[in-house]
PDB file of N, CA and C in Angstrom:
ATOM      1  N   MET A   1     -14.206  11.176 103.566  1.00  0.00           N
ATOM      2  CA  MET A   1     -13.245  10.594 103.205  1.00  0.00           C
ATOM      3  C   MET A   1     -12.377  11.554 102.350  1.00  0.00           C
ATOM      4  N   THR A   2     -13.426  12.199 101.102  1.00  0.00           N
ATOM      5  CA  THR A   2     -12.258  13.568 100.521  1.00  0.00           C
ATOM      6  C   THR A   2     -11.978  14.602 101.548  1.00  0.00           C
ATOM      7  N   ALA A   3     -12.759  15.131 102.491  1.00  0.00           N
ATOM      8  CA  ALA A   3     -12.038  16.203 102.893  1.00  0.00           C
ATOM      9  C   ALA A   3     -10.783  15.202 104.013  1.00  0.00           C
ATOM     10  N   LEU A   4     -10.633  14.621 104.193  1.00  0.00           N
ATOM     11  CA  LEU A   4      -9.743  13.915 105.380  1.00  0.00           C
ATOM     12  C   LEU A   4      -8.212  13.632 103.818  1.00  0.00           C
ATOM     13  N   ILE A   5      -8.521  13.240 102.719  1.00  0.00           N
ATOM     14  CA  ILE A   5      -7.453  13.042 101.865  1.00  0.00           C
ATOM     15  C   ILE A   5      -6.790  14.534 101.805  1.00  0.00           C
ATOM     16  N   GLY A   6      -8.078  15.679 101.721  1.00  0.00           N
ATOM     17  CA  GLY A   6      -7.716  16.955 101.242  1.00  0.00           C
ATOM     18  C   GLY A   6      -7.079  17.996 102.341  1.00  0.00           C
ATOM     19  N   VAL A   7      -7.390  17.187 103.795  1.00  0.00           N
ATOM     20  CA  VAL A   7      -6.572  17.466 105.150  1.00  0.00           C
ATOM     21  C   VAL A   7      -5.290  16.954 104.998  1.00  0.00           C
ATOM     22  N   LEU A   8      -5.096  15.859 104.455  1.00  0.00           N
ATOM     23  CA  LEU A   8      -3.663  15.148 104.706  1.00  0.00           C
ATOM     24  C   LEU A   8      -2.876  15.723 103.501  1.00  0.00           C
ATOM     25  N   LEU A   9      -3.346  15.793 102.724  1.00  0.00           N
ATOM     26  CA  LEU A   9      -2.514  16.351 101.523  1.00  0.00           C
ATOM     27  C   LEU A   9      -2.420  17.988 101.591  1.00  0.00           C
ATOM     28  N   LEU A  10      -2.592  18.930 102.417  1.00  0.00           N
ATOM     29  CA  LEU A  10      -2.892  20.225 102.580  1.00  0.00           C
ATOM     30  C   LEU A  10      -1.840  20.485 103.383  1.00  0.00           C
ATOM     31  N   VAL A  11      -2.072  19.846 105.106  1.00  0.00           N
ATOM     32  CA  VAL A  11      -1.808  19.965 106.078  1.00  0.00           C
ATOM     33  C   VAL A  11       0.149  20.485 106.165  1.00  0.00           C
ATOM     34  N   LYS A  12       0.471  21.400 106.874  1.00  0.00           N
ATOM     35  CA  LYS A  12       2.052  21.766 106.898  1.00  0.00           C
ATOM     36  C   LYS A  12       2.466  20.643 107.539  1.00  0.00           C
ATOM     37  N   MET A  13       3.720  20.223 107.171  1.00  0.00           N
ATOM     38  CA  MET A  13       4.391  19.386 107.574  1.00  0.00           C
ATOM     39  C   MET A  13       5.691  20.170 108.290  1.00  0.00           C
ATOM     40  N   PRO A  14       5.867  19.190 109.730  1.00  0.00           N
ATOM     41  CA  PRO A  14       6.946  19.933 110.435  1.00  0.00           C
ATOM     42  C   PRO A  14       8.416  20.017 109.195  1.00  0.00           C
ATOM     43  N   GLU A  15       9.337  20.924 109.901  1.00  0.00           N
ATOM     44  CA  GLU A  15      10.615  21.013 108.762  1.00  0.00           C
ATOM     45  C   GLU A  15      11.187  19.976 108.472  1.00  0.00           C
ATOM     46  N   GLU A  16      11.717  19.475 109.460  1.00  0.00           N
ATOM     47  CA  GLU A  16      12.382  18.058 109.592  1.00  0.00           C
ATOM     48  C   GLU A  16      11.604  16.743 110.141  1.00  0.00           C
ATOM     49  N   VAL A  17      11.351  16.273 108.707  1.00  0.00           N
ATOM     50  CA  VAL A  17      10.588  14.984 108.784  1.00  0.00           C
ATOM     51  C   VAL A  17      11.466  13.798 108.280  1.00  0.00           C
ATOM     52  N   SER A  18      11.520  12.836 109.048  1.00  0.00           N
ATOM     53  CA  SER A  18      11.992  11.295 108.783  1.00  0.00           C
ATOM     54  C   SER A  18      11.170  10.829 108.321  1.00  0.00           C
ATOM     55  N   MET A  19      11.922  10.396 106.976  1.00  0.00           N
ATOM     56  CA  MET A  19      11.088   9.791 106.124  1.00  0.00           C
ATOM     57  C   MET A  19      11.694   8.498 105.851  1.00  0.00           C
ATOM     58  N   PRO A  20      10.893   7.141 105.848  1.00  0.00           N
ATOM     59  CA  PRO A  20      11.727   6.306 105.473  1.00  0.00           C
ATOM     60  C   PRO A  20      12.773   6.550 104.258  1.00  0.00           C
ATOM     61  N   LEU A  21      13.756   5.372 104.204  1.00  0.00           N
ATOM     62  CA  LEU A  21      14.480   5.182 103.180  1.00  0.00           C
ATOM     63  C   LEU A  21      14.298   4.678 101.666  1.00  0.00           C
ATOM     64  N   ILE A  22      12.324   4.939 101.342  1.00  0.00           N
ATOM     65  CA  ILE A  22      11.629   4.104 100.819  1.00  0.00           C
ATOM     66  C   ILE A  22      11.732   5.231  99.516  1.00  0.00           C
ATOM     67  N   ALA A  23      12.471   4.938  98.339  1.00  0.00           N
ATOM     68  CA  ALA A  23      12.311   5.901  97.055  1.00  0.00           C
ATOM     69  C   ALA A  23      11.039   6.312  96.694  1.00  0.00           C
ATOM     70  N   ASN A  24      10.233   7.724  96.533  1.00  0.00           N
ATOM     71  CA  ASN A  24       9.152   8.183  96.081  1.00  0.00           C
ATOM     72  C   ASN A  24       8.239   7.391  97.264  1.00  0.00           C
ATOM     73  N   ALA A  25       8.381   7.796  98.556  1.00  0.00           N
ATOM     74  CA  ALA A  25       7.828   7.316  99.294  1.00  0.00           C
ATOM     75  C   ALA A  25       6.304   7.867  99.662  1.00  0.00           C
ATOM     76  N   ASP A  26       6.044   9.260  99.157  1.00  0.00           N
ATOM     77  CA  ASP A  26       5.058   9.739  99.028  1.00  0.00           C
ATOM     78  C   ASP A  26       4.361   9.911  98.022  1.00  0.00           C
ATOM     79  N   LYS A  27       4.898   9.169  96.996  1.00  0.00           N
ATOM     80  CA  LYS A  27       3.976   8.503  95.818  1.00  0.00           C
ATOM     81  C   LYS A  27       2.762   7.441  96.210  1.00  0.00           C
ATOM     82  N   TYR A  28       3.733   6.702  96.908  1.00  0.00           N
ATOM     83  CA  TYR A  28       2.705   5.338  97.180  1.00  0.00           C
ATOM     84  C   TYR A  28       1.730   5.434  98.547  1.00  0.00           C
ATOM     85  N   VAL A  29       1.827   6.667  99.026  1.00  0.00           N
ATOM     86  CA  VAL A  29       0.724   7.575  99.706  1.00  0.00           C
ATOM     87  C   VAL A  29      -0.614   8.327  99.103  1.00  0.00           C
ATOM     88  N   HIS A  30       0.228   8.803  97.968  1.00  0.00           N
ATOM     89  CA  HIS A  30      -0.609   9.185  97.281  1.00  0.00           C
ATOM     90  C   HIS A  30      -1.810   8.525  96.788  1.00  0.00           C
ATOM     91  N   ALA A  31      -1.152   7.356  95.714  1.00  0.00           N
ATOM     92  CA  ALA A  31      -1.834   6.078  95.105  1.00  0.00           C
ATOM     93  C   ALA A  31      -2.919   5.347  96.269  1.00  0.00           C
ATOM     94  N   PHE A  32      -2.182   5.312  97.665  1.00  0.00           N
ATOM     95  CA  PHE A  32      -3.202   4.513  98.309  1.00  0.00           C
ATOM     96  C   PHE A  32      -4.215   5.361  98.978  1.00  0.00           C
ATOM     97  N   LEU A  33      -3.846   6.672  99.058  1.00  0.00           N
ATOM     98  CA  LEU A  33      -5.037   7.558  99.045  1.00  0.00           C
ATOM     99  C   LEU A  33      -6.123   7.846  98.522  1.00  0.00           C
ATOM    100  N   PHE A  34      -6.096   7.474  96.902  1.00  0.00           N
ATOM    101  CA  PHE A  34      -6.819   7.872  96.139  1.00  0.00           C
ATOM    102  C   PHE A  34      -7.577   6.833  95.401  1.00  0.00           C
ATOM    103  N   MET A  35      -6.439   5.733  95.729  1.00  0.00           N
ATOM    104  CA  MET A  35      -7.196   4.533  96.184  1.00  0.00           C
ATOM    105  C   MET A  35      -8.461   4.011  97.038  1.00  0.00           C
ATOM    106  N   VAL A  36      -8.257   4.437  97.961  1.00  0.00           N
ATOM    107  CA  VAL A  36      -9.349   4.103  98.698  1.00  0.00           C
ATOM    108  C   VAL A  36     -10.737   5.070  98.504  1.00  0.00           C
ATOM    109  N   LEU A  37      -9.700   6.468  98.049  1.00  0.00           N
ATOM    110  CA  LEU A  37     -11.058   7.092  97.961  1.00  0.00           C
ATOM    111  C   LEU A  37     -12.359   6.877  96.404  1.00  0.00           C
ATOM    112  N   ALA A  38     -11.524   6.115  95.083  1.00  0.00           N
ATOM    113  CA  ALA A  38     -12.117   6.057  94.149  1.00  0.00           C
ATOM    114  C   ALA A  38     -12.812   4.637  94.705  1.00  0.00           C
ATOM    115  N   TRP A  39     -12.472   3.741  95.685  1.00  0.00           N
ATOM    116  CA  TRP A  39     -13.309   2.673  95.843  1.00  0.00           C
ATOM    117  C   TRP A  39     -14.412   3.093  96.688  1.00  0.00           C
ATOM    118  N   LEU A  40     -14.671   4.076  97.618  1.00  0.00           N
ATOM    119  CA  LEU A  40     -15.516   4.658  98.231  1.00  0.00           C
ATOM    120  C   LEU A  40     -16.519   5.189  97.273  1.00  0.00           C
ATOM    121  N   VAL A  41     -15.731   6.036  96.488  1.00  0.00           N
ATOM    122  CA  VAL A  41     -17.145   6.714  95.347  1.00  0.00           C
ATOM    123  C   VAL A  41     -17.781   5.739  94.653  1.00  0.00           C
ATOM    124  N   TYR A  42     -17.071   4.363  94.404  1.00  0.00           N
ATOM    125  CA  TYR A  42     -17.439   4.074  93.241  1.00  0.00           C
ATOM    126  C   TYR A  42     -18.741   3.084  94.008  1.00  0.00           C
ATOM    127  N   HIS A  43     -18.553   2.278  94.928  1.00  0.00           N
ATOM    128  CA  HIS A  43     -19.629   2.016  95.868  1.00  0.00           C
ATOM    129  C   HIS A  43     -20.532   3.041  96.667  1.00  0.00           C
ATOM    130  N   ASP A  44     -20.441   4.172  96.701  1.00  0.00           N
ATOM    131  CA  ASP A  44     -21.476   5.408  97.029  1.00  0.00           C
ATOM    132  C   ASP A  44     -22.435   5.386  95.910  1.00  0.00           C
ATOM    133  N   ALA A  45     -21.606   5.402  94.809  1.00  0.00           N
ATOM    134  CA  ALA A  45     -22.498   5.665  93.510  1.00  0.00           C
ATOM    135  C   ALA A  45     -23.426   4.154  93.441  1.00  0.00           C
ATOM    136  N   ARG A  46     -22.564   3.234  93.365  1.00  0.00           N
ATOM    137  CA  ARG A  46     -23.969   2.218  93.632  1.00  0.00           C
ATOM    138  C   ARG A  46     -24.812   1.874  93.836  1.00  0.00           C
ATOM    139  N   ARG A  47     -24.377   2.292  95.435  1.00  0.00           N
ATOM    140  CA  ARG A  47     -25.722   2.317  96.429  1.00  0.00           C
ATOM    141  C   ARG A  47     -26.642   3.427  96.076  1.00  0.00           C
ATOM    142  N   ALA A  48     -26.316   4.400  95.350  1.00  0.00           N
ATOM    143  CA  ALA A  48     -27.339   5.438  95.231  1.00  0.00           C
ATOM    144  C   ALA A  48     -27.784   5.020  93.635  1.00  0.00           C
ATOM    145  N   HIS A  49     -27.570   3.446  93.249  1.00  0.00           N
ATOM    146  CA  HIS A  49     -28.738   2.859  92.048  1.00  0.00           C
ATOM    147  C   HIS A  49     -28.053   3.421  90.414  1.00  0.00           C
ATOM    148  N   PHE A  50     -27.327   4.081  90.453  1.00  0.00           N
ATOM    149  CA  PHE A  50     -26.694   4.855  89.323  1.00  0.00           C
ATOM    150  C   PHE A  50     -26.298   3.622  88.456  1.00  0.00           C
ATOM    151  N   SER A  51     -26.560   4.204  86.840  1.00  0.00           N
ATOM    152  CA  SER A  51     -26.433   3.273  86.114  1.00  0.00           C
ATOM    153  C   SER A  51     -24.823   2.593  86.313  1.00  0.00           C
ATOM    154  N   SER A  52     -24.430   1.787  85.397  1.00  0.00           N
ATOM    155  CA  SER A  52     -23.240   1.074  85.336  1.00  0.00           C
ATOM    156  C   SER A  52     -22.358   1.749  84.834  1.00  0.00           C
ATOM    157  N   VAL A  53     -22.814   2.628  83.694  1.00  0.00           N
ATOM    158  CA  VAL A  53     -21.853   3.563  83.502  1.00  0.00           C
ATOM    159  C   VAL A  53     -21.124   4.940  84.344  1.00  0.00           C
ATOM    160  N   LEU A  54     -22.844   5.346  84.920  1.00  0.00           N
ATOM    161  CA  LEU A  54     -22.395   6.301  85.399  1.00  0.00           C
ATOM    162  C   LEU A  54     -21.507   6.142  86.915  1.00  0.00           C
ATOM    163  N   VAL A  55     -21.622   5.020  87.456  1.00  0.00           N
ATOM    164  CA  VAL A  55     -21.021   4.296  88.632  1.00  0.00           C
ATOM    165  C   VAL A  55     -19.731   4.630  88.166  1.00  0.00           C
ATOM    166  N   TYR A  56     -18.700   4.218  87.202  1.00  0.00           N
ATOM    167  CA  TYR A  56     -17.357   4.215  86.763  1.00  0.00           C
ATOM    168  C   TYR A  56     -17.323   5.597  86.477  1.00  0.00           C
ATOM    169  N   LEU A  57     -17.987   6.699  85.787  1.00  0.00           N
ATOM    170  CA  LEU A  57     -17.990   8.083  85.615  1.00  0.00           C
ATOM    171  C   LEU A  57     -17.608   8.967  86.884  1.00  0.00           C
ATOM    172  N   THR A  58     -18.467   8.673  87.737  1.00  0.00           N
ATOM    173  CA  THR A  58     -18.741   8.936  89.218  1.00  0.00           C
ATOM    174  C   THR A  58     -17.092   8.952  90.153  1.00  0.00           C
ATOM    175  N   ALA A  59     -16.892   7.753  90.299  1.00  0.00           N
ATOM    176  CA  ALA A  59     -15.681   7.180  90.767  1.00  0.00           C
ATOM    177  C   ALA A  59     -14.710   8.097  90.282  1.00  0.00           C
ATOM    178  N   ALA A  60     -14.666   7.852  88.596  1.00  0.00           N
ATOM    179  CA  ALA A  60     -13.461   8.574  88.344  1.00  0.00           C
ATOM    180  C   ALA A  60     -13.276   9.826  88.328  1.00  0.00           C
ATOM    181  N   VAL A  61     -14.245  10.551  87.751  1.00  0.00           N
ATOM    182  CA  VAL A  61     -14.231  11.913  87.664  1.00  0.00           C
ATOM    183  C   VAL A  61     -14.049  12.895  88.662  1.00  0.00           C
ATOM    184  N   TRP A  62     -14.788  12.496  89.981  1.00  0.00           N
ATOM    185  CA  TRP A  62     -14.754  12.941  91.446  1.00  0.00           C
ATOM    186  C   TRP A  62     -13.588  12.729  91.668  1.00  0.00           C
ATOM    187  N   SER A  63     -12.688  11.779  91.596  1.00  0.00           N
ATOM    188  CA  SER A  63     -11.022  11.556  92.332  1.00  0.00           C
ATOM    189  C   SER A  63     -10.215  12.331  91.614  1.00  0.00           C
ATOM    190  N   ILE A  64     -10.604  12.425  90.263  1.00  0.00           N
ATOM    191  CA  ILE A  64      -9.212  12.888  89.457  1.00  0.00           C
ATOM    192  C   ILE A  64      -9.549  14.454  89.814  1.00  0.00           C
ATOM    193  N   GLY A  65     -10.696  15.055  89.581  1.00  0.00           N
ATOM    194  CA  GLY A  65     -11.154  16.247  89.730  1.00  0.00           C
ATOM    195  C   GLY A  65     -10.338  16.428  91.289  1.00  0.00           C
ATOM    196  N   TRP A  66     -10.975  15.872  92.375  1.00  0.00           N
ATOM    197  CA  TRP A  66      -9.808  16.201  93.691  1.00  0.00           C
ATOM    198  C   TRP A  66      -8.732  16.257  93.495  1.00  0.00           C
ATOM    199  N   GLY A  67      -8.345  15.133  92.811  1.00  0.00           N
ATOM    200  CA  GLY A  67      -6.666  15.200  92.732  1.00  0.00           C
ATOM    201  C   GLY A  67      -6.426  16.056  92.139  1.00  0.00           C
ATOM    202  N   GLY A  68      -6.902  16.917  90.975  1.00  0.00           N
ATOM    203  CA  GLY A  68      -6.212  17.842  90.270  1.00  0.00           C
ATOM    204  C   GLY A  68      -6.492  19.364  91.241  1.00  0.00           C
ATOM    205  N   VAL A  69      -7.676  19.361  91.815  1.00  0.00           N
ATOM    206  CA  VAL A  69      -7.805  20.630  92.853  1.00  0.00           C
ATOM    207  C   VAL A  69      -6.733  20.622  93.504  1.00  0.00           C
ATOM    208  N   LEU A  70      -6.680  19.548  94.394  1.00  0.00           N
ATOM    209  CA  LEU A  70      -5.401  19.513  95.350  1.00  0.00           C
ATOM    210  C   LEU A  70      -3.867  20.061  95.004  1.00  0.00           C
ATOM    211  N   GLU A  71      -3.701  19.554  93.826  1.00  0.00           N
ATOM    212  CA  GLU A  71      -2.216  19.805  93.370  1.00  0.00           C
ATOM    213  C   GLU A  71      -2.215  21.514  92.722  1.00  0.00           C
ATOM    214  N   VAL A  72      -3.241  21.951  92.251  1.00  0.00           N
ATOM    215  CA  VAL A  72      -3.284  23.252  91.959  1.00  0.00           C
ATOM    216  C   VAL A  72      -3.242  23.938  93.182  1.00  0.00           C
ATOM    217  N   VAL A  73      -4.171  23.788  94.393  1.00  0.00           N
ATOM    218  CA  VAL A  73      -4.340  24.356  95.112  1.00  0.00           C
ATOM    219  C   VAL A  73      -2.679  24.351  96.152  1.00  0.00           C
ATOM    220  N   GLN A  74      -2.168  23.178  96.176  1.00  0.00           N
ATOM    221  CA  GLN A  74      -1.026  23.145  96.662  1.00  0.00           C
ATOM    222  C   GLN A  74      -0.003  24.290  95.804  1.00  0.00           C
ATOM    223  N   ASN A  75       0.003  23.912  94.472  1.00  0.00           N
ATOM    224  CA  ASN A  75       1.095  24.989  93.809  1.00  0.00           C
ATOM    225  C   ASN A  75       0.955  26.499  93.869  1.00  0.00           C
ATOM    226  N   TYR A  76      -0.600  26.724  93.837  1.00  0.00           N
ATOM    227  CA  TYR A  76      -0.516  28.126  93.720  1.00  0.00           C
ATOM    228  C   TYR A  76      -0.759  28.687  94.853  1.00  0.00           C
ATOM    229  N   CYS A  77      -1.365  28.358  95.907  1.00  0.00           N
ATOM    230  CA  CYS A  77      -2.062  28.721  96.711  1.00  0.00           C
ATOM    231  C   CYS A  77      -1.216  29.103  98.476  1.00  0.00           C
ATOM    232  N   LEU A  78      -0.734  27.622  98.689  1.00  0.00           N
ATOM    233  CA  LEU A  78       0.005  27.551  99.642  1.00  0.00           C
ATOM    234  C   LEU A  78       1.901  27.826  99.717  1.00  0.00           C
ATOM    235  N   THR A  79       2.381  28.476 100.560  1.00  0.00           N
ATOM    236  CA  THR A  79       3.878  28.452 100.500  1.00  0.00           C
ATOM    237  C   THR A  79       4.393  27.414 100.893  1.00  0.00           C
ATOM    238  N   TYR A  80       3.954  26.343 101.774  1.00  0.00           N
ATOM    239  CA  TYR A  80       4.884  25.525 102.270  1.00  0.00           C
ATOM    240  C   TYR A  80       4.368  24.091 101.951  1.00  0.00           C
ATOM    241  N   ARG A  81       3.684  23.727 100.741  1.00  0.00           N
ATOM    242  CA  ARG A  81       3.553  22.535 100.039  1.00  0.00           C
ATOM    243  C   ARG A  81       3.705  23.118  98.174  1.00  0.00           C
ATOM    244  N   SER A  82       3.565  21.994  97.716  1.00  0.00           N
ATOM    245  CA  SER A  82       3.905  22.615  96.148  1.00  0.00           C
ATOM    246  C   SER A  82       3.213  21.384  95.114  1.00  0.00           C
ATOM    247  N   GLY A  83       2.571  21.864  94.386  1.00  0.00           N
ATOM    248  CA  GLY A  83       2.235  20.864  93.352  1.00  0.00           C
ATOM    249  C   GLY A  83       3.067  20.245  92.603  1.00  0.00           C
ATOM    250  N   SER A  84       2.702  18.863  92.347  1.00  0.00           N
ATOM    251  CA  SER A  84       3.511  17.958  91.457  1.00  0.00           C
ATOM    252  C   SER A  84       2.763  17.372  90.474  1.00  0.00           C
ATOM    253  N   TRP A  85       3.472  16.998  89.217  1.00  0.00           N
ATOM    254  CA  TRP A  85       2.450  16.165  88.119  1.00  0.00           C
ATOM    255  C   TRP A  85       2.909  14.971  88.520  1.00  0.00           C
ATOM    256  N   TRP A  86       3.575  14.614  89.185  1.00  0.00           N
ATOM    257  CA  TRP A  86       4.080  13.010  89.507  1.00  0.00           C
ATOM    258  C   TRP A  86       3.262  12.628  90.468  1.00  0.00           C
ATOM    259  N   ASP A  87       2.882  13.663  91.661  1.00  0.00           N
ATOM    260  CA  ASP A  87       1.681  13.377  92.955  1.00  0.00           C
ATOM    261  C   ASP A  87       0.512  12.977  91.862  1.00  0.00           C
ATOM    262  N   PHE A  88       0.361  13.972  91.247  1.00  0.00           N
ATOM    263  CA  PHE A  88      -0.931  13.504  90.465  1.00  0.00           C
ATOM    264  C   PHE A  88      -1.227  12.432  89.388  1.00  0.00           C
ATOM    265  N   VAL A  89       0.078  12.294  88.951  1.00  0.00           N
ATOM    266  CA  VAL A  89       0.274  10.865  88.272  1.00  0.00           C
ATOM    267  C   VAL A  89      -0.240   9.557  88.896  1.00  0.00           C
ATOM    268  N   ALA A  90       0.784   9.888  90.506  1.00  0.00           N
ATOM    269  CA  ALA A  90       0.297   8.419  91.733  1.00  0.00           C
ATOM    270  C   ALA A  90      -1.141   8.997  91.926  1.00  0.00           C
ATOM    271  N   ASP A  91      -1.787   9.874  91.938  1.00  0.00           N
ATOM    272  CA  ASP A  91      -3.649   9.952  92.377  1.00  0.00           C
ATOM    273  C   ASP A  91      -4.186   8.956  91.395  1.00  0.00           C
ATOM    274  N   LEU A  92      -3.945   9.143  90.015  1.00  0.00           N
ATOM    275  CA  LEU A  92      -4.234   8.347  88.886  1.00  0.00           C
ATOM    276  C   LEU A  92      -3.932   7.394  88.910  1.00  0.00           C
ATOM    277  N   ILE A  93      -3.100   6.679  89.156  1.00  0.00           N
ATOM    278  CA  ILE A  93      -2.979   5.378  89.091  1.00  0.00           C
ATOM    279  C   ILE A  93      -3.571   4.735  90.524  1.00  0.00           C
ATOM    280  N   GLY A  94      -3.044   5.014  91.589  1.00  0.00           N
ATOM    281  CA  GLY A  94      -4.236   4.708  92.722  1.00  0.00           C
ATOM    282  C   GLY A  94      -5.753   4.993  92.251  1.00  0.00           C
ATOM    283  N   ILE A  95      -6.318   5.620  91.711  1.00  0.00           N
ATOM    284  CA  ILE A  95      -7.968   5.901  91.006  1.00  0.00           C
ATOM    285  C   ILE A  95      -8.194   4.517  90.430  1.00  0.00           C
ATOM    286  N   ALA A  96      -6.805   4.644  89.561  1.00  0.00           N
ATOM    287  CA  ALA A  96      -7.327   3.079  88.677  1.00  0.00           C
ATOM    288  C   ALA A  96      -7.590   2.086  89.289  1.00  0.00           C
ATOM    289  N   MET A  97      -6.462   1.506  90.220  1.00  0.00           N
ATOM    290  CA  MET A  97      -6.505   0.818  91.543  1.00  0.00           C
ATOM    291  C   MET A  97      -7.597   0.275  92.301  1.00  0.00           C
ATOM    292  N   GLY A  98      -8.492   1.588  92.763  1.00  0.00           N
ATOM    293  CA  GLY A  98      -9.700   1.973  93.698  1.00  0.00           C
ATOM    294  C   GLY A  98     -10.840   1.333  92.757  1.00  0.00           C
ATOM    295  N   ILE A  99     -10.626   2.026  91.605  1.00  0.00           N
ATOM    296  CA  ILE A  99     -11.700   1.436  90.464  1.00  0.00           C
ATOM    297  C   ILE A  99     -11.805  -0.340  90.556  1.00  0.00           C
ATOM    298  N   ALA A 100     -10.993  -0.812  89.924  1.00  0.00           N
ATOM    299  CA  ALA A 100     -10.526  -1.957  89.523  1.00  0.00           C
ATOM    300  C   ALA A 100     -10.836  -2.906  90.871  1.00  0.00           C
ATOM    301  N   LEU A 101     -10.058  -2.347  91.860  1.00  0.00           N
ATOM    302  CA  LEU A 101     -10.518  -3.146  93.371  1.00  0.00           C
ATOM    303  C   LEU A 101     -11.846  -3.507  93.374  1.00  0.00           C
ATOM    304  N   ALA A 102     -12.395  -2.024  93.277  1.00  0.00           N
ATOM    305  CA  ALA A 102     -14.086  -2.076  93.632  1.00  0.00           C
ATOM    306  C   ALA A 102     -14.928  -2.866  92.669  1.00  0.00           C
ATOM    307  N   ARG A 103     -14.384  -2.982  91.442  1.00  0.00           N
ATOM    308  CA  ARG A 103     -15.006  -3.849  90.648  1.00  0.00           C
ATOM    309  C   ARG A 103     -14.959  -5.358  90.922  1.00  0.00           C
ATOM    310  N   VAL A 104     -13.975  -5.545  90.966  1.00  0.00           N
ATOM    311  CA  VAL A 104     -13.630  -7.136  91.601  1.00  0.00           C
ATOM    312  C   VAL A 104     -14.155  -7.734  92.933  1.00  0.00           C
ATOM    313  N   TRP A 105     -14.302  -6.490  93.820  1.00  0.00           N
ATOM    314  CA  TRP A 105     -14.723  -6.607  94.867  1.00  0.00           C
ATOM    315  C   TRP A 105     -16.216  -7.037  94.928  1.00  0.00           C
ATOM    316  N   GLN A 106     -16.904  -6.171  93.642  1.00  0.00           N
ATOM    317  CA  GLN A 106     -18.620  -6.686  93.766  1.00  0.00           C
ATOM    318  C   GLN A 106     -18.826  -7.686  93.409  1.00  0.00           C
ATOM    319  N   LYS A 107     -18.235  -8.560  92.973  1.00  0.00           N
ATOM    320  CA  LYS A 107     -18.102  -9.625  92.241  1.00  0.00           C
ATOM    321  C   LYS A 107     -18.145 -10.625  93.178  1.00  0.00           C
TER     322      LYS A 107
END
């Protein structure tokens, strides 16, 4: 899943993309993708029998790190994409939602 999110966020988009008329639609996509990533990392850490605190730390640190790396790569290594602090904020919101969802789901 981590690789899939990386590919989706780094792939070159066609020049003319018809986006729906939803304000900041790409932020919703970022939040959704990182919600799924954090949820999956959380459950993988639980299956690995990590301690309770380490489960949360693993899900948060891995997902935040991946979001940060992707934004840096977009900003400094690609000419057809640009990194954005607002995209990273959307990633963080998605990560928080994913961990919260995973926590509720486990009960």
